[in-house]
């Protein structure tokens, strides 16, 4: 995935509180996230920590997965920073015909 810190979107304080709460509780759950621009992935695990590098901030799970914070669609069933992007992507019109063929 070609990403840089310039395309990293800041994550809200509210979501950071949810991350800390889940980390401190030791909960293990499912996370859906964008890998690239249109590929959706899932990971399961407990949150170990959050770290920052040249491409953004990442959530590290006990499963070994590392997920960029601004790409998270849902975290343990709660909407994440990329939820609105996913919702818009899922509801996008496929053509001017609304999916109907002229045939």
PDB file of N, CA and C in Angstrom:
ATOM      1  N   UNK A   1       0.848  -1.161   0.000  1.00  0.00           N
ATOM      2  CA  UNK A   1       0.000   0.000   0.000  1.00  0.00           C
ATOM      3  C   UNK A   1       0.895   1.226   0.000  1.00  0.00           C
ATOM      4  N   UNK A   2       0.727   2.052  -0.984  1.00  0.00           N
ATOM      5  CA  UNK A   2       1.484   3.291  -1.070  1.00  0.00           C
ATOM      6  C   UNK A   2       0.753   4.382  -0.314  1.00  0.00           C
ATOM      7  N   UNK A   3       1.222   4.660   0.871  1.00  0.00           N
ATOM      8  CA  UNK A   3       0.610   5.719   1.672  1.00  0.00           C
ATOM      9  C   UNK A   3       1.710   6.594   2.228  1.00  0.00           C
ATOM     10  N   UNK A   4       1.359   7.794   2.520  1.00  0.00           N
ATOM     11  CA  UNK A   4       2.318   8.702   3.144  1.00  0.00           C
ATOM     12  C   UNK A   4       1.588   9.482   4.221  1.00  0.00           C
ATOM     13  N   UNK A   5       2.363  10.158   5.045  1.00  0.00           N
ATOM     14  CA  UNK A   5       1.762  10.940   6.117  1.00  0.00           C
ATOM     15  C   UNK A   5       0.887  12.059   5.545  1.00  0.00           C
ATOM     16  N   UNK A   6       1.152  12.472   4.295  1.00  0.00           N
ATOM     17  CA  UNK A   6       0.358  13.554   3.709  1.00  0.00           C
ATOM     18  C   UNK A   6      -1.086  13.132   3.425  1.00  0.00           C
ATOM     19  N   UNK A   7      -1.351  11.834   3.232  1.00  0.00           N
ATOM     20  CA  UNK A   7      -2.731  11.405   3.009  1.00  0.00           C
ATOM     21  C   UNK A   7      -3.371  10.831   4.273  1.00  0.00           C
ATOM     22  N   UNK A   8      -2.664  10.899   5.397  1.00  0.00           N
ATOM     23  CA  UNK A   8      -3.216  10.456   6.675  1.00  0.00           C
ATOM     24  C   UNK A   8      -4.201  11.498   7.185  1.00  0.00           C
ATOM     25  N   UNK A   9      -5.390  11.039   7.576  1.00  0.00           N
ATOM     26  CA  UNK A   9      -6.411  11.947   8.101  1.00  0.00           C
ATOM     27  C   UNK A   9      -6.425  11.868   9.626  1.00  0.00           C
ATOM     28  N   UNK A  10      -6.415  12.994  10.312  1.00  0.00           N
ATOM     29  CA  UNK A  10      -6.439  12.984  11.775  1.00  0.00           C
ATOM     30  C   UNK A  10      -7.663  12.243  12.319  1.00  0.00           C
ATOM     31  N   UNK A  11      -7.479  11.585  13.445  1.00  0.00           N
ATOM     32  CA  UNK A  11      -8.534  10.798  14.084  1.00  0.00           C
ATOM     33  C   UNK A  11      -9.085  11.592  15.264  1.00  0.00           C
ATOM     34  N   UNK A  12     -10.403  11.565  15.413  1.00  0.00           N
ATOM     35  CA  UNK A  12     -11.055  12.358  16.459  1.00  0.00           C
ATOM     36  C   UNK A  12     -10.671  11.905  17.870  1.00  0.00           C
ATOM     37  N   UNK A  13     -10.770  12.831  18.793  1.00  0.00           N
ATOM     38  CA  UNK A  13     -10.504  12.544  20.196  1.00  0.00           C
ATOM     39  C   UNK A  13     -11.469  11.484  20.717  1.00  0.00           C
ATOM     40  N   UNK A  14     -12.734  11.543  20.286  1.00  0.00           N
ATOM     41  CA  UNK A  14     -13.737  10.566  20.720  1.00  0.00           C
ATOM     42  C   UNK A  14     -13.330   9.147  20.346  1.00  0.00           C
ATOM     43  N   UNK A  15     -12.829   8.980  19.129  1.00  0.00           N
ATOM     44  CA  UNK A  15     -12.411   7.645  18.694  1.00  0.00           C
ATOM     45  C   UNK A  15     -11.170   7.191  19.463  1.00  0.00           C
ATOM     46  N   UNK A  16     -10.287   8.111  19.762  1.00  0.00           N
ATOM     47  CA  UNK A  16      -9.099   7.768  20.552  1.00  0.00           C
ATOM     48  C   UNK A  16      -9.498   7.272  21.951  1.00  0.00           C
ATOM     49  N   UNK A  17     -10.540   7.881  22.513  1.00  0.00           N
ATOM     50  CA  UNK A  17     -11.035   7.419  23.817  1.00  0.00           C
ATOM     51  C   UNK A  17     -11.573   5.999  23.726  1.00  0.00           C
ATOM     52  N   UNK A  18     -12.282   5.699  22.631  1.00  0.00           N
ATOM     53  CA  UNK A  18     -12.795   4.339  22.419  1.00  0.00           C
ATOM     54  C   UNK A  18     -11.633   3.355  22.307  1.00  0.00           C
ATOM     55  N   UNK A  19     -10.586   3.742  21.571  1.00  0.00           N
ATOM     56  CA  UNK A  19      -9.402   2.882  21.440  1.00  0.00           C
ATOM     57  C   UNK A  19      -8.775   2.591  22.800  1.00  0.00           C
ATOM     58  N   UNK A  20      -8.595   3.627  23.593  1.00  0.00           N
ATOM     59  CA  UNK A  20      -7.989   3.454  24.923  1.00  0.00           C
ATOM     60  C   UNK A  20      -8.862   2.579  25.816  1.00  0.00           C
ATOM     61  N   UNK A  21     -10.164   2.802  25.761  1.00  0.00           N
ATOM     62  CA  UNK A  21     -11.108   2.015  26.560  1.00  0.00           C
ATOM     63  C   UNK A  21     -11.019   0.531  26.192  1.00  0.00           C
ATOM     64  N   UNK A  22     -11.001   0.249  24.900  1.00  0.00           N
ATOM     65  CA  UNK A  22     -10.919  -1.140  24.441  1.00  0.00           C
ATOM     66  C   UNK A  22      -9.561  -1.754  24.775  1.00  0.00           C
ATOM     67  N   UNK A  23      -8.525  -0.977  24.651  1.00  0.00           N
ATOM     68  CA  UNK A  23      -7.177  -1.458  24.982  1.00  0.00           C
ATOM     69  C   UNK A  23      -7.093  -1.818  26.460  1.00  0.00           C
ATOM     70  N   UNK A  24      -7.572  -0.921  27.319  1.00  0.00           N
ATOM     71  CA  UNK A  24      -7.503  -1.135  28.764  1.00  0.00           C
ATOM     72  C   UNK A  24      -8.383  -2.284  29.235  1.00  0.00           C
ATOM     73  N   UNK A  25      -9.488  -2.537  28.530  1.00  0.00           N
ATOM     74  CA  UNK A  25     -10.384  -3.621  28.933  1.00  0.00           C
ATOM     75  C   UNK A  25      -9.869  -4.984  28.481  1.00  0.00           C
ATOM     76  N   UNK A  26      -8.949  -4.991  27.519  1.00  0.00           N
ATOM     77  CA  UNK A  26      -8.416  -6.263  27.023  1.00  0.00           C
ATOM     78  C   UNK A  26      -9.377  -7.009  26.112  1.00  0.00           C
ATOM     79  N   UNK A  27     -10.430  -6.319  25.665  1.00  0.00           N
ATOM     80  CA  UNK A  27     -11.409  -6.959  24.780  1.00  0.00           C
ATOM     81  C   UNK A  27     -10.754  -7.445  23.499  1.00  0.00           C
ATOM     82  N   UNK A  28     -11.264  -8.553  23.001  1.00  0.00           N
ATOM     83  CA  UNK A  28     -10.829  -9.128  21.742  1.00  0.00           C
ATOM     84  C   UNK A  28     -12.000  -9.001  20.790  1.00  0.00           C
ATOM     85  N   UNK A  29     -11.785  -8.440  19.609  1.00  0.00           N
ATOM     86  CA  UNK A  29     -12.904  -8.256  18.692  1.00  0.00           C
ATOM     87  C   UNK A  29     -12.483  -8.162  17.245  1.00  0.00           C
ATOM     88  N   UNK A  30     -13.469  -7.897  16.414  1.00  0.00           N
ATOM     89  CA  UNK A  30     -13.295  -7.821  14.971  1.00  0.00           C
ATOM     90  C   UNK A  30     -13.188  -6.366  14.523  1.00  0.00           C
ATOM     91  N   UNK A  31     -12.236  -6.116  13.638  1.00  0.00           N
ATOM     92  CA  UNK A  31     -12.020  -4.783  13.086  1.00  0.00           C
ATOM     93  C   UNK A  31     -12.088  -4.884  11.570  1.00  0.00           C
ATOM     94  N   UNK A  32     -12.911  -4.046  10.956  1.00  0.00           N
ATOM     95  CA  UNK A  32     -12.974  -3.947   9.496  1.00  0.00           C
ATOM     96  C   UNK A  32     -12.258  -2.657   9.112  1.00  0.00           C
ATOM     97  N   UNK A  33     -11.474  -2.725   8.035  1.00  0.00           N
ATOM     98  CA  UNK A  33     -10.692  -1.553   7.639  1.00  0.00           C
ATOM     99  C   UNK A  33     -10.393  -1.581   6.147  1.00  0.00           C
ATOM    100  N   UNK A  34     -10.032  -0.411   5.619  1.00  0.00           N
ATOM    101  CA  UNK A  34      -9.628  -0.297   4.223  1.00  0.00           C
ATOM    102  C   UNK A  34      -8.156  -0.651   4.102  1.00  0.00           C
ATOM    103  N   UNK A  35      -7.867  -1.498   3.130  1.00  0.00           N
ATOM    104  CA  UNK A  35      -6.484  -1.787   2.758  1.00  0.00           C
ATOM    105  C   UNK A  35      -6.353  -1.226   1.353  1.00  0.00           C
ATOM    106  N   UNK A  36      -5.643  -0.140   1.193  1.00  0.00           N
ATOM    107  CA  UNK A  36      -5.637   0.569  -0.076  1.00  0.00           C
ATOM    108  C   UNK A  36      -6.852   1.472  -0.145  1.00  0.00           C
ATOM    109  N   UNK A  37      -7.329   1.749  -1.342  1.00  0.00           N
ATOM    110  CA  UNK A  37      -8.454   2.669  -1.467  1.00  0.00           C
ATOM    111  C   UNK A  37      -9.802   1.974  -1.544  1.00  0.00           C
ATOM    112  N   UNK A  38      -9.865   0.749  -2.094  1.00  0.00           N
ATOM    113  CA  UNK A  38     -11.157   0.085  -2.260  1.00  0.00           C
ATOM    114  C   UNK A  38     -11.222  -1.319  -1.685  1.00  0.00           C
ATOM    115  N   UNK A  39     -10.138  -1.835  -1.192  1.00  0.00           N
ATOM    116  CA  UNK A  39     -10.086  -3.183  -0.663  1.00  0.00           C
ATOM    117  C   UNK A  39     -10.418  -3.162   0.830  1.00  0.00           C
ATOM    118  N   UNK A  40     -11.352  -4.016   1.244  1.00  0.00           N
ATOM    119  CA  UNK A  40     -11.758  -4.077   2.644  1.00  0.00           C
ATOM    120  C   UNK A  40     -11.232  -5.366   3.261  1.00  0.00           C
ATOM    121  N   UNK A  41     -10.608  -5.232   4.415  1.00  0.00           N
ATOM    122  CA  UNK A  41     -10.033  -6.358   5.138  1.00  0.00           C
ATOM    123  C   UNK A  41     -10.636  -6.432   6.535  1.00  0.00           C
ATOM    124  N   UNK A  42     -10.416  -7.554   7.197  1.00  0.00           N
ATOM    125  CA  UNK A  42     -10.847  -7.745   8.582  1.00  0.00           C
ATOM    126  C   UNK A  42      -9.693  -8.313   9.386  1.00  0.00           C
ATOM    127  N   UNK A  43      -9.664  -7.984  10.653  1.00  0.00           N
ATOM    128  CA  UNK A  43      -8.683  -8.538  11.577  1.00  0.00           C
ATOM    129  C   UNK A  43      -9.372  -8.751  12.911  1.00  0.00           C
ATOM    130  N   UNK A  44      -8.912  -9.737  13.653  1.00  0.00           N
ATOM    131  CA  UNK A  44      -9.476 -10.025  14.970  1.00  0.00           C
ATOM    132  C   UNK A  44      -8.337 -10.056  15.982  1.00  0.00           C
ATOM    133  N   UNK A  45      -8.589  -9.447  17.131  1.00  0.00           N
ATOM    134  CA  UNK A  45      -7.581  -9.481  18.180  1.00  0.00           C
ATOM    135  C   UNK A  45      -7.843  -8.445  19.250  1.00  0.00           C
ATOM    136  N   UNK A  46      -6.961  -8.419  20.224  1.00  0.00           N
ATOM    137  CA  UNK A  46      -6.992  -7.426  21.291  1.00  0.00           C
ATOM    138  C   UNK A  46      -5.962  -6.350  20.963  1.00  0.00           C
ATOM    139  N   UNK A  47      -6.244  -5.129  21.367  1.00  0.00           N
ATOM    140  CA  UNK A  47      -5.345  -4.008  21.095  1.00  0.00           C
ATOM    141  C   UNK A  47      -4.151  -4.053  22.051  1.00  0.00           C
ATOM    142  N   UNK A  48      -2.956  -4.059  21.469  1.00  0.00           N
ATOM    143  CA  UNK A  48      -1.738  -4.010  22.279  1.00  0.00           C
ATOM    144  C   UNK A  48      -1.288  -2.577  22.506  1.00  0.00           C
ATOM    145  N   UNK A  49      -1.170  -1.826  21.399  1.00  0.00           N
ATOM    146  CA  UNK A  49      -0.741  -0.441  21.516  1.00  0.00           C
ATOM    147  C   UNK A  49      -1.016   0.323  20.229  1.00  0.00           C
ATOM    148  N   UNK A  50      -0.724   1.614  20.289  1.00  0.00           N
ATOM    149  CA  UNK A  50      -0.872   2.501  19.132  1.00  0.00           C
ATOM    150  C   UNK A  50       0.489   3.156  18.935  1.00  0.00           C
ATOM    151  N   UNK A  51       1.000   3.074  17.711  1.00  0.00           N
ATOM    152  CA  UNK A  51       2.280   3.727  17.458  1.00  0.00           C
ATOM    153  C   UNK A  51       2.202   4.606  16.227  1.00  0.00           C
ATOM    154  N   UNK A  52       3.167   5.479  16.094  1.00  0.00           N
ATOM    155  CA  UNK A  52       3.197   6.450  15.009  1.00  0.00           C
ATOM    156  C   UNK A  52       4.500   6.281  14.243  1.00  0.00           C
ATOM    157  N   UNK A  53       4.405   6.372  12.906  1.00  0.00           N
ATOM    158  CA  UNK A  53       5.608   6.378  12.082  1.00  0.00           C
ATOM    159  C   UNK A  53       5.416   7.365  10.935  1.00  0.00           C
ATOM    160  N   UNK A  54       6.244   7.287   9.920  1.00  0.00           N
ATOM    161  CA  UNK A  54       6.205   8.270   8.828  1.00  0.00           C
ATOM    162  C   UNK A  54       4.934   8.198   7.980  1.00  0.00           C
ATOM    163  N   UNK A  55       4.170   7.122   8.051  1.00  0.00           N
ATOM    164  CA  UNK A  55       2.950   7.012   7.241  1.00  0.00           C
ATOM    165  C   UNK A  55       1.669   7.200   8.038  1.00  0.00           C
ATOM    166  N   UNK A  56       1.749   7.425   9.344  1.00  0.00           N
ATOM    167  CA  UNK A  56       0.549   7.660  10.151  1.00  0.00           C
ATOM    168  C   UNK A  56       0.606   6.958  11.496  1.00  0.00           C
ATOM    169  N   UNK A  57      -0.572   6.811  12.108  1.00  0.00           N
ATOM    170  CA  UNK A  57      -0.692   6.133  13.395  1.00  0.00           C
ATOM    171  C   UNK A  57      -1.326   4.770  13.171  1.00  0.00           C
ATOM    172  N   UNK A  58      -0.813   3.765  13.872  1.00  0.00           N
ATOM    173  CA  UNK A  58      -1.241   2.396  13.667  1.00  0.00           C
ATOM    174  C   UNK A  58      -1.669   1.736  14.967  1.00  0.00           C
ATOM    175  N   UNK A  59      -2.689   0.895  14.844  1.00  0.00           N
ATOM    176  CA  UNK A  59      -3.190   0.082  15.931  1.00  0.00           C
ATOM    177  C   UNK A  59      -2.522  -1.276  15.793  1.00  0.00           C
ATOM    178  N   UNK A  60      -1.867  -1.752  16.836  1.00  0.00           N
ATOM    179  CA  UNK A  60      -1.226  -3.061  16.813  1.00  0.00           C
ATOM    180  C   UNK A  60      -2.038  -4.037  17.640  1.00  0.00           C
ATOM    181  N   UNK A  61      -2.353  -5.190  17.040  1.00  0.00           N
ATOM    182  CA  UNK A  61      -3.154  -6.213  17.702  1.00  0.00           C
ATOM    183  C   UNK A  61      -2.296  -7.378  18.156  1.00  0.00           C
ATOM    184  N   UNK A  62      -2.798  -8.139  19.120  1.00  0.00           N
ATOM    185  CA  UNK A  62      -2.065  -9.310  19.591  1.00  0.00           C
ATOM    186  C   UNK A  62      -1.974 -10.404  18.523  1.00  0.00           C
ATOM    187  N   UNK A  63      -2.763 -10.293  17.468  1.00  0.00           N
ATOM    188  CA  UNK A  63      -2.721 -11.253  16.358  1.00  0.00           C
ATOM    189  C   UNK A  63      -1.559 -10.958  15.408  1.00  0.00           C
ATOM    190  N   UNK A  64      -0.885  -9.816  15.614  1.00  0.00           N
ATOM    191  CA  UNK A  64       0.214  -9.420  14.752  1.00  0.00           C
ATOM    192  C   UNK A  64      -0.188  -8.427  13.677  1.00  0.00           C
ATOM    193  N   UNK A  65      -1.484  -8.164  13.545  1.00  0.00           N
ATOM    194  CA  UNK A  65      -1.961  -7.202  12.557  1.00  0.00           C
ATOM    195  C   UNK A  65      -1.662  -5.776  13.005  1.00  0.00           C
ATOM    196  N   UNK A  66      -1.380  -4.918  12.030  1.00  0.00           N
ATOM    197  CA  UNK A  66      -1.157  -3.495  12.261  1.00  0.00           C
ATOM    198  C   UNK A  66      -2.075  -2.738  11.311  1.00  0.00           C
ATOM    199  N   UNK A  67      -2.931  -1.871  11.857  1.00  0.00           N
ATOM    200  CA  UNK A  67      -3.970  -1.202  11.067  1.00  0.00           C
ATOM    201  C   UNK A  67      -3.846   0.303  11.244  1.00  0.00           C
ATOM    202  N   UNK A  68      -3.821   1.015  10.130  1.00  0.00           N
ATOM    203  CA  UNK A  68      -3.744   2.475  10.195  1.00  0.00           C
ATOM    204  C   UNK A  68      -5.066   3.017  10.749  1.00  0.00           C
ATOM    205  N   UNK A  69      -4.992   3.883  11.745  1.00  0.00           N
ATOM    206  CA  UNK A  69      -6.183   4.370  12.454  1.00  0.00           C
ATOM    207  C   UNK A  69      -7.222   5.001  11.532  1.00  0.00           C
ATOM    208  N   UNK A  70      -6.794   5.820  10.595  1.00  0.00           N
ATOM    209  CA  UNK A  70      -7.762   6.518   9.746  1.00  0.00           C
ATOM    210  C   UNK A  70      -8.406   5.618   8.703  1.00  0.00           C
ATOM    211  N   UNK A  71      -8.005   4.352   8.626  1.00  0.00           N
ATOM    212  CA  UNK A  71      -8.578   3.392   7.681  1.00  0.00           C
ATOM    213  C   UNK A  71      -9.591   2.459   8.344  1.00  0.00           C
ATOM    214  N   UNK A  72      -9.802   2.610   9.654  1.00  0.00           N
ATOM    215  CA  UNK A  72     -10.709   1.718  10.385  1.00  0.00           C
ATOM    216  C   UNK A  72     -12.164   2.068  10.070  1.00  0.00           C
ATOM    217  N   UNK A  73     -12.907   1.065   9.587  1.00  0.00           N
ATOM    218  CA  UNK A  73     -14.332   1.224   9.285  1.00  0.00           C
ATOM    219  C   UNK A  73     -15.141   0.963  10.549  1.00  0.00           C
ATOM    220  N   UNK A  74     -14.909  -0.181  11.180  1.00  0.00           N
ATOM    221  CA  UNK A  74     -15.552  -0.487  12.462  1.00  0.00           C
ATOM    222  C   UNK A  74     -14.534  -1.125  13.399  1.00  0.00           C
ATOM    223  N   UNK A  75     -14.646  -0.802  14.664  1.00  0.00           N
ATOM    224  CA  UNK A  75     -13.793  -1.347  15.710  1.00  0.00           C
ATOM    225  C   UNK A  75     -14.699  -2.013  16.727  1.00  0.00           C
ATOM    226  N   UNK A  76     -14.690  -3.321  16.752  1.00  0.00           N
ATOM    227  CA  UNK A  76     -15.518  -4.093  17.692  1.00  0.00           C
ATOM    228  C   UNK A  76     -16.988  -3.692  17.597  1.00  0.00           C
ATOM    229  N   UNK A  77     -17.446  -3.443  16.372  1.00  0.00           N
ATOM    230  CA  UNK A  77     -18.842  -3.100  16.128  1.00  0.00           C
ATOM    231  C   UNK A  77     -19.172  -1.617  16.200  1.00  0.00           C
ATOM    232  N   UNK A  78     -18.212  -0.799  16.578  1.00  0.00           N
ATOM    233  CA  UNK A  78     -18.440   0.651  16.666  1.00  0.00           C
ATOM    234  C   UNK A  78     -17.866   1.331  15.422  1.00  0.00           C
ATOM    235  N   UNK A  79     -18.562   2.341  14.879  1.00  0.00           N
ATOM    236  CA  UNK A  79     -18.052   3.047  13.688  1.00  0.00           C
ATOM    237  C   UNK A  79     -16.686   3.685  13.951  1.00  0.00           C
ATOM    238  N   UNK A  80     -15.818   3.584  12.952  1.00  0.00           N
ATOM    239  CA  UNK A  80     -14.485   4.170  13.036  1.00  0.00           C
ATOM    240  C   UNK A  80     -14.345   5.372  12.118  1.00  0.00           C
ATOM    241  N   UNK A  81     -13.147   5.925  12.028  1.00  0.00           N
ATOM    242  CA  UNK A  81     -12.910   7.118  11.216  1.00  0.00           C
ATOM    243  C   UNK A  81     -13.257   6.947   9.736  1.00  0.00           C
ATOM    244  N   UNK A  82     -13.149   5.745   9.189  1.00  0.00           N
ATOM    245  CA  UNK A  82     -13.414   5.521   7.765  1.00  0.00           C
ATOM    246  C   UNK A  82     -14.843   5.042   7.502  1.00  0.00           C
ATOM    247  N   UNK A  83     -15.699   5.059   8.526  1.00  0.00           N
ATOM    248  CA  UNK A  83     -17.069   4.562   8.343  1.00  0.00           C
ATOM    249  C   UNK A  83     -17.839   5.365   7.295  1.00  0.00           C
ATOM    250  N   UNK A  84     -17.736   6.683   7.338  1.00  0.00           N
ATOM    251  CA  UNK A  84     -18.462   7.515   6.375  1.00  0.00           C
ATOM    252  C   UNK A  84     -17.971   7.263   4.947  1.00  0.00           C
ATOM    253  N   UNK A  85     -16.678   7.052   4.779  1.00  0.00           N
ATOM    254  CA  UNK A  85     -16.124   6.730   3.461  1.00  0.00           C
ATOM    255  C   UNK A  85     -16.686   5.406   2.969  1.00  0.00           C
ATOM    256  N   UNK A  86     -16.744   4.415   3.859  1.00  0.00           N
ATOM    257  CA  UNK A  86     -17.296   3.108   3.512  1.00  0.00           C
ATOM    258  C   UNK A  86     -18.773   3.227   3.146  1.00  0.00           C
ATOM    259  N   UNK A  87     -19.514   3.976   3.930  1.00  0.00           N
ATOM    260  CA  UNK A  87     -20.940   4.150   3.686  1.00  0.00           C
ATOM    261  C   UNK A  87     -21.176   4.807   2.326  1.00  0.00           C
ATOM    262  N   UNK A  88     -20.406   5.829   2.010  1.00  0.00           N
ATOM    263  CA  UNK A  88     -20.531   6.504   0.712  1.00  0.00           C
ATOM    264  C   UNK A  88     -20.129   5.566  -0.419  1.00  0.00           C
ATOM    265  N   UNK A  89     -19.093   4.785  -0.201  1.00  0.00           N
ATOM    266  CA  UNK A  89     -18.618   3.822  -1.191  1.00  0.00           C
ATOM    267  C   UNK A  89     -19.686   2.750  -1.439  1.00  0.00           C
ATOM    268  N   UNK A  90     -20.291   2.255  -0.384  1.00  0.00           N
ATOM    269  CA  UNK A  90     -21.301   1.203  -0.494  1.00  0.00           C
ATOM    270  C   UNK A  90     -22.585   1.702  -1.146  1.00  0.00           C
ATOM    271  N   UNK A  91     -22.895   2.982  -1.002  1.00  0.00           N
ATOM    272  CA  UNK A  91     -24.124   3.537  -1.556  1.00  0.00           C
ATOM    273  C   UNK A  91     -23.934   4.244  -2.894  1.00  0.00           C
ATOM    274  N   UNK A  92     -22.730   4.174  -3.457  1.00  0.00           N
ATOM    275  CA  UNK A  92     -22.440   4.860  -4.721  1.00  0.00           C
ATOM    276  C   UNK A  92     -23.272   4.279  -5.860  1.00  0.00           C
ATOM    277  N   UNK A  93     -23.735   5.144  -6.717  1.00  0.00           N
ATOM    278  CA  UNK A  93     -24.493   4.738  -7.893  1.00  0.00           C
ATOM    279  C   UNK A  93     -23.530   4.100  -8.888  1.00  0.00           C
ATOM    280  N   UNK A  94     -23.905   2.965  -9.434  1.00  0.00           N
ATOM    281  CA  UNK A  94     -23.030   2.260 -10.347  1.00  0.00           C
ATOM    282  C   UNK A  94     -23.085   2.828 -11.756  1.00  0.00           C
ATOM    283  N   UNK A  95     -24.187   3.436 -12.132  1.00  0.00           N
ATOM    284  CA  UNK A  95     -24.309   4.080 -13.442  1.00  0.00           C
ATOM    285  C   UNK A  95     -25.491   5.032 -13.406  1.00  0.00           C
ATOM    286  N   UNK A  96     -25.648   5.775 -14.463  1.00  0.00           N
ATOM    287  CA  UNK A  96     -26.783   6.710 -14.537  1.00  0.00           C
ATOM    288  C   UNK A  96     -28.106   5.954 -14.593  1.00  0.00           C
ATOM    289  N   UNK A  97     -28.075   4.704 -14.960  1.00  0.00           N
ATOM    290  CA  UNK A  97     -29.292   3.900 -15.066  1.00  0.00           C
ATOM    291  C   UNK A  97     -29.631   3.240 -13.700  1.00  0.00           C
ATOM    292  N   UNK A  98     -28.855   3.505 -12.705  1.00  0.00           N
ATOM    293  CA  UNK A  98     -29.147   2.929 -11.395  1.00  0.00           C
ATOM    294  C   UNK A  98     -29.045   1.415 -11.387  1.00  0.00           C
ATOM    295  N   UNK A  99     -28.184   0.873 -12.247  1.00  0.00           N
ATOM    296  CA  UNK A  99     -28.013  -0.586 -12.305  1.00  0.00           C
ATOM    297  C   UNK A  99     -28.946  -1.270 -13.283  1.00  0.00           C
ATOM    298  N   UNK A 100     -29.824  -0.537 -13.899  1.00  0.00           N
ATOM    299  CA  UNK A 100     -30.778  -1.122 -14.862  1.00  0.00           C
ATOM    300  C   UNK A 100     -30.174  -1.092 -16.269  1.00  0.00           C
ATOM    301  N   UNK A 101     -30.283  -2.172 -16.988  1.00  0.00           N
ATOM    302  CA  UNK A 101     -29.786  -2.244 -18.366  1.00  0.00           C
ATOM    303  C   UNK A 101     -30.844  -1.726 -19.331  1.00  0.00           C
ATOM    304  N   UNK A 102     -30.391  -1.196 -20.491  1.00  0.00           N
ATOM    305  CA  UNK A 102     -31.340  -0.728 -21.490  1.00  0.00           C
ATOM    306  C   UNK A 102     -31.879  -1.890 -22.326  1.00  0.00           C
ATOM    307  N   UNK A 103     -31.291  -3.076 -22.221  1.00  0.00           N
ATOM    308  CA  UNK A 103     -31.694  -4.204 -23.072  1.00  0.00           C
ATOM    309  C   UNK A 103     -33.122  -4.588 -22.859  1.00  0.00           C
TER     310      UNK A 103
END
